[in-house]
Protein backbone atom coordinates (compact mmCIF):
# COMPACT_ATOMS: atom_id res chain seq x y z
CA UNK A 1 24.52 9.24 6.57
CA UNK A 2 23.13 10.41 3.17
CA UNK A 3 25.25 8.30 1.15
CA UNK A 4 22.67 6.82 -1.15
CA UNK A 5 22.43 10.93 -2.08
CA UNK A 6 26.26 11.15 -2.47
CA UNK A 7 25.85 8.08 -4.98
CA UNK A 8 23.39 9.33 -7.18
CA UNK A 9 24.90 12.74 -7.43
CA UNK A 10 28.79 11.67 -7.57
CA UNK A 11 27.83 8.34 -10.16
CA UNK A 12 25.56 10.95 -12.41
CA UNK A 13 27.73 13.60 -12.48
CA UNK A 14 31.03 11.40 -13.69
CA UNK A 15 28.64 9.84 -16.32
CA UNK A 16 28.19 13.14 -17.55
CA UNK A 17 32.10 13.56 -17.84
CA UNK A 18 32.35 10.56 -19.80
CA UNK A 19 34.15 8.43 -16.66
CA UNK A 20 33.22 5.57 -16.28
CA UNK A 21 35.33 3.86 -14.73
CA UNK A 22 35.26 6.43 -11.29
CA UNK A 23 31.88 4.24 -11.56
CA UNK A 24 32.76 0.87 -9.35
CA UNK A 25 34.65 3.19 -7.15
CA UNK A 26 32.04 4.87 -5.75
CA UNK A 27 29.08 2.62 -5.24
CA UNK A 28 32.00 -0.50 -4.02
CA UNK A 29 32.89 2.42 -1.34
CA UNK A 30 29.82 3.31 -0.03
CA UNK A 31 28.40 -0.62 -0.42
CA UNK A 32 31.38 -1.96 2.10
CA UNK A 33 31.03 1.10 4.45
CA UNK A 34 26.69 1.05 4.51
CA UNK A 35 26.87 -3.00 4.74
CA UNK A 36 29.77 -2.38 7.70
CA UNK A 37 27.45 -0.10 9.79
CA UNK A 38 24.60 -1.51 8.78
CA UNK A 39 25.91 -4.19 10.88
CA UNK A 40 26.98 -2.23 13.15
CA UNK A 41 23.48 -1.60 13.67
CA UNK A 42 21.79 -4.03 13.16
CA UNK A 43 23.46 -5.28 16.98
CA UNK A 44 22.20 -2.29 18.56
CA UNK A 45 19.01 -3.13 18.39
CA UNK A 46 18.80 -6.51 18.10
CA UNK A 47 20.89 -6.97 21.14
CA UNK A 48 18.04 -4.00 23.19
CA UNK A 49 14.54 -5.18 21.64
CA UNK A 50 13.91 -5.96 25.13
CA UNK A 51 14.38 -3.16 26.59
CA UNK A 52 12.14 -2.15 23.35
CA UNK A 53 9.65 -3.58 23.75
CA UNK A 54 9.49 -3.78 28.07
CA UNK A 55 10.01 -0.09 29.04
CA UNK A 56 9.17 2.08 25.68
CA UNK A 57 6.63 0.74 24.42
CA UNK A 58 3.19 -0.81 25.97
CA UNK A 59 2.50 -3.61 24.69
CA UNK A 60 0.70 -6.66 26.45
CA UNK A 61 2.70 -8.94 28.14
CA UNK A 62 0.86 -12.17 25.91
CA UNK A 63 2.35 -10.94 23.20
CA UNK A 64 6.22 -9.41 24.59
CA UNK A 65 8.24 -12.38 23.15
CA UNK A 66 6.27 -12.01 19.56
CA UNK A 67 6.73 -8.61 19.26
CA UNK A 68 10.86 -8.59 20.64
CA UNK A 69 11.01 -11.27 17.45
CA UNK A 70 10.20 -9.09 15.53
CA UNK A 71 11.85 -6.26 16.63
CA UNK A 72 14.73 -8.60 15.92
CA UNK A 73 13.94 -9.67 12.25
CA UNK A 74 13.95 -5.74 11.95
CA UNK A 75 17.02 -5.68 13.21
CA UNK A 76 18.52 -8.50 10.43
CA UNK A 77 17.02 -6.02 7.45
CA UNK A 78 18.52 -2.97 8.77
CA UNK A 79 21.94 -3.31 6.44
CA UNK A 80 20.68 -5.16 2.82
CA UNK A 81 17.79 -2.06 3.48
CA UNK A 82 21.30 0.34 3.78
CA UNK A 83 23.37 -1.92 0.27
CA UNK A 84 19.93 -2.40 -1.34
CA UNK A 85 20.14 2.51 -0.94
CA UNK A 86 23.24 2.35 -2.81
CA UNK A 87 22.87 0.26 -5.60
CA UNK A 88 19.28 1.94 -6.15
CA UNK A 89 21.13 5.10 -5.72
CA UNK A 90 24.00 4.18 -8.93
CA UNK A 91 20.62 3.51 -10.93
CA UNK A 92 19.11 6.71 -10.35
CA UNK A 93 22.42 8.12 -11.52
CA UNK A 94 22.62 5.97 -14.64
CA UNK A 95 18.78 6.77 -15.59
CA UNK A 96 18.09 4.11 -15.39
CA UNK A 97 14.48 3.64 -13.33
CA UNK A 98 12.94 0.98 -15.39
CA UNK A 99 14.66 -1.92 -13.61
CA UNK A 100 14.17 0.29 -10.80
CA UNK A 101 10.74 0.24 -11.51
CA UNK A 102 10.89 -3.68 -11.84
CA UNK A 103 12.30 -5.03 -8.98
CA UNK A 104 10.47 -2.06 -6.75
CA UNK A 105 7.52 -3.38 -7.89
CA UNK A 106 7.58 -6.58 -7.46
CA UNK A 107 9.36 -6.38 -3.99
CA UNK A 108 6.40 -3.91 -2.80
CA UNK A 109 3.51 -6.18 -4.00
CA UNK A 110 5.66 -8.82 -1.76
CA UNK A 111 5.83 -7.52 0.96
CA UNK A 112 1.59 -5.91 1.43
CA UNK A 113 1.52 -10.02 0.30
CA UNK A 114 3.03 -11.34 2.81
CA UNK A 115 0.62 -11.24 5.94
CA UNK A 116 -2.20 -13.05 3.76
CA UNK A 117 0.56 -15.85 2.99
CA UNK A 118 1.18 -16.94 6.44
CA UNK A 119 -1.99 -15.43 8.49
CA UNK A 120 -4.21 -18.87 7.46
CA UNK A 121 -1.10 -20.72 8.85
CA UNK A 122 -2.01 -19.13 12.56
CA UNK A 123 1.89 -17.26 12.36
CA UNK A 124 1.78 -14.06 14.20
CA UNK A 125 3.60 -10.90 12.99
CA UNK A 126 6.74 -11.99 14.15
CA UNK A 127 6.32 -14.73 11.07
CA UNK A 128 5.49 -11.76 9.32
CA UNK A 129 8.51 -9.84 9.22
CA UNK A 130 10.53 -12.16 9.05
CA UNK A 131 8.97 -12.99 5.26
CA UNK A 132 9.56 -9.61 4.36
CA UNK A 133 13.39 -9.51 6.28
CA UNK A 134 14.03 -11.58 3.48
CA UNK A 135 12.36 -10.67 0.48
CA UNK A 136 14.32 -7.36 1.31
CA UNK A 137 17.46 -9.17 1.31
CA UNK A 138 16.15 -10.80 -2.02
CA UNK A 139 15.52 -7.67 -3.65
CA UNK A 140 18.56 -6.77 -2.56
CA UNK A 141 20.12 -9.52 -4.02
CA UNK A 142 18.72 -8.78 -7.18
CA UNK A 143 19.52 -5.05 -7.31
CA UNK A 144 23.29 -6.39 -7.33
CA UNK A 145 22.25 -8.49 -10.44
CA UNK A 146 20.92 -5.67 -11.97
CA UNK A 147 24.00 -3.64 -10.96
CA UNK A 148 26.68 -6.66 -11.64
CA UNK A 149 27.98 -5.05 -15.14
CA UNK A 150 28.37 -1.30 -14.22
CA UNK A 151 30.55 -2.94 -10.49
CA UNK A 152 33.64 -3.89 -12.74
CA UNK A 153 36.28 -2.28 -12.37
CA UNK A 154 40.43 -2.80 -12.86
CA UNK A 155 40.48 -4.46 -9.50
CA UNK A 156 39.66 -8.09 -9.37
CA UNK A 157 38.43 -7.83 -5.52
CA UNK A 158 35.94 -4.31 -4.44
CA UNK A 159 37.86 -1.69 -2.65
CA UNK A 160 36.79 0.93 -0.30
CA UNK A 161 39.00 4.12 -1.31
CA UNK A 162 39.21 6.51 1.63
CA UNK A 163 39.95 8.98 -0.26
CA UNK A 164 36.56 8.19 -2.88
CA UNK A 165 34.41 7.98 0.93
CA UNK A 166 35.46 11.24 2.60
CA UNK A 167 33.94 12.88 -1.06
CA UNK A 168 30.59 10.93 -0.32
CA UNK A 169 30.06 12.21 3.47
CA UNK A 170 31.22 15.73 2.59
CA UNK A 171 28.24 15.69 0.55
CA UNK A 172 26.18 13.26 2.27
CA UNK A 173 26.02 14.77 5.86
CA UNK A 174 25.40 18.01 4.46
CA UNK A 175 21.78 15.03 3.29
CA UNK A 176 22.01 13.37 6.44
CA UNK A 177 20.20 16.68 8.07
CA UNK A 178 16.83 15.76 6.08
CA UNK A 179 17.27 12.32 5.89
CA UNK A 180 17.09 12.00 9.97
CA UNK A 181 14.17 14.78 9.99
CA UNK A 182 12.50 13.65 7.64
CA UNK A 183 11.14 9.67 9.53
CA UNK A 184 11.35 11.64 12.80
CA UNK A 185 8.86 13.62 11.09
CA UNK A 186 6.60 10.67 9.91
CA UNK A 187 6.95 7.83 12.64
CA UNK A 188 7.52 10.36 16.07
CA UNK A 189 3.78 10.30 16.69
CA UNK A 190 2.92 7.05 16.29
CA UNK A 191 5.91 6.19 18.63
CA UNK A 192 4.21 9.02 20.81
CA UNK A 193 0.59 7.81 20.79
CA UNK A 194 1.85 3.97 21.23
CA UNK A 195 3.90 5.45 24.04
CA UNK A 196 1.42 8.06 25.81
CA UNK A 197 -1.69 5.11 25.21
CA UNK A 198 -1.92 1.91 23.91
CA UNK A 199 -0.97 -0.06 20.61
CA UNK A 200 -4.71 -0.16 20.26
CA UNK A 201 -4.53 3.24 19.40
CA UNK A 202 -2.21 3.26 17.06
CA UNK A 203 -3.83 1.44 14.51
CA UNK A 204 -6.99 3.93 14.28
CA UNK A 205 -4.07 6.32 13.70
CA UNK A 206 -2.37 4.80 11.02
CA UNK A 207 -4.38 4.93 8.12
CA UNK A 208 -5.55 7.83 7.64
CA UNK A 209 -2.31 8.68 8.50
CA UNK A 210 -0.46 6.16 5.95
CA UNK A 211 -2.89 6.80 3.19
CA UNK A 212 -1.71 10.77 3.29
CA UNK A 213 1.69 10.01 3.77
CA UNK A 214 1.61 6.92 0.71
CA UNK A 215 0.47 10.19 -2.14
CA UNK A 216 4.03 11.51 -1.21
CA UNK A 217 5.11 8.92 -3.12
CA UNK A 218 4.38 10.63 -6.22
CA UNK A 219 6.44 13.76 -5.51
CA UNK A 220 8.75 11.43 -4.24
CA UNK A 221 9.22 9.41 -7.91
CA UNK A 222 9.49 12.62 -9.35
CA UNK A 223 12.47 14.08 -6.54
CA UNK A 224 14.47 10.31 -7.52
CA UNK A 225 14.54 11.36 -11.27
CA UNK A 226 14.72 14.63 -11.61
CA UNK A 227 17.76 14.60 -9.27
CA UNK A 228 20.81 12.54 -10.95
CA UNK A 229 19.28 15.18 -14.48
CA UNK A 230 20.18 18.03 -12.39
CA UNK A 231 23.63 16.99 -11.25
CA UNK A 232 23.65 15.67 -14.08
CA UNK A 233 23.37 19.56 -15.21
CA UNK A 234 25.05 21.72 -13.09
CA UNK A 235 28.30 18.76 -13.81
CA UNK A 236 28.13 19.55 -17.38
CA UNK A 237 27.47 23.61 -16.18
CA UNK A 238 23.98 24.21 -17.93
CA UNK A 239 22.18 25.80 -14.98
CA UNK A 240 19.25 27.70 -17.96
CA UNK A 241 18.53 24.24 -18.42
CA UNK A 242 18.02 22.64 -14.89
CA UNK A 243 16.20 26.12 -13.75
CA UNK A 244 13.92 25.18 -16.45
CA UNK A 245 13.26 22.27 -15.53
CA UNK A 246 12.58 22.87 -11.85
CA UNK A 247 10.03 25.21 -12.55
CA UNK A 248 8.40 22.74 -15.16
CA UNK A 249 8.60 20.20 -12.56
CA UNK A 250 6.57 22.49 -10.08
CA UNK A 251 3.87 23.91 -11.86
CA UNK A 252 3.31 20.13 -13.14
CA UNK A 253 3.82 18.92 -9.49
CA UNK A 254 0.55 21.90 -8.23
CA UNK A 255 -1.53 20.81 -11.04
CA UNK A 256 -1.42 16.90 -10.00
CA UNK A 257 -1.51 16.58 -6.31
CA UNK A 258 -3.32 20.25 -5.44
CA UNK A 259 -6.58 19.53 -6.80
CA UNK A 260 -6.96 16.49 -4.71
CA UNK A 261 -5.33 17.40 -1.35
CA UNK A 262 -7.97 20.46 -1.32
CA UNK A 263 -10.51 17.88 -1.57
CA UNK A 264 -9.31 15.37 0.69
CA UNK A 265 -9.05 18.03 3.48
CA UNK A 266 -12.86 20.18 2.13
CA UNK A 267 -14.23 16.62 3.09
CA UNK A 268 -12.11 14.79 5.79
CA UNK A 269 -14.72 14.19 8.22
CA UNK A 270 -16.68 12.90 5.91
CA UNK A 271 -14.56 10.48 4.40
CA UNK A 272 -13.00 9.20 8.16
CA UNK A 273 -16.37 8.93 9.36
CA UNK A 274 -17.16 6.49 6.22
CA UNK A 275 -14.04 4.46 7.09
CA UNK A 276 -13.36 4.19 10.47
CA UNK A 277 -17.18 5.25 12.14
């Protein structure tokens, strides 16, 4: 619902105005709602996993039980991922990107290495997804530990502020459109291939598609650092500096990403023949 982006924006604005007591009110309101919303989503996804596996995706009968358990494990992860996004949004608003990097790199390495920990012991996909879910929960706890010193407020317990929530949702509602469309554009193609052809065909498609999609980490990382900076400059009324920073970031992005993409586009057939035959 765009709340993690809204959290980043309003935390950055509060810091630029030296209104630090507002930070825990913003973050706790966002975290409490995201957790409750995530629990509802988890129940919906978990209870309908059998329908997804048997009616929508063409999965071989002997793998139905394994796939159903995998989707249930994914459902458990939903509230923790949403809370993680809020906490990371807070650190972005504070511009503590080095702390985000420590947690994110460790989490990603463990997630991608998880199959190597379990496959030698004969464990299947459901066990791997469950391990990844545990890693996601550990990542959330790590972010919470880092954010805790910044979350101390005048009240003893975390509280939900209705006024703050309305403020977050007003901005987050606009962000929701792009947040909703983005994953659909990125992942609907593989669901279509899995439903119309077979899950096995998805494997041949996913490798090259992911290779290109992973390159989005460059503009995404740049955007993560620029967004709180833009929010702070806008709150301070420094529009000329904001425009200059925006123009320079676009030029750097074109210089860094343009040549590699031209090479991939020119030699795509040769790359795929060499890689996948």
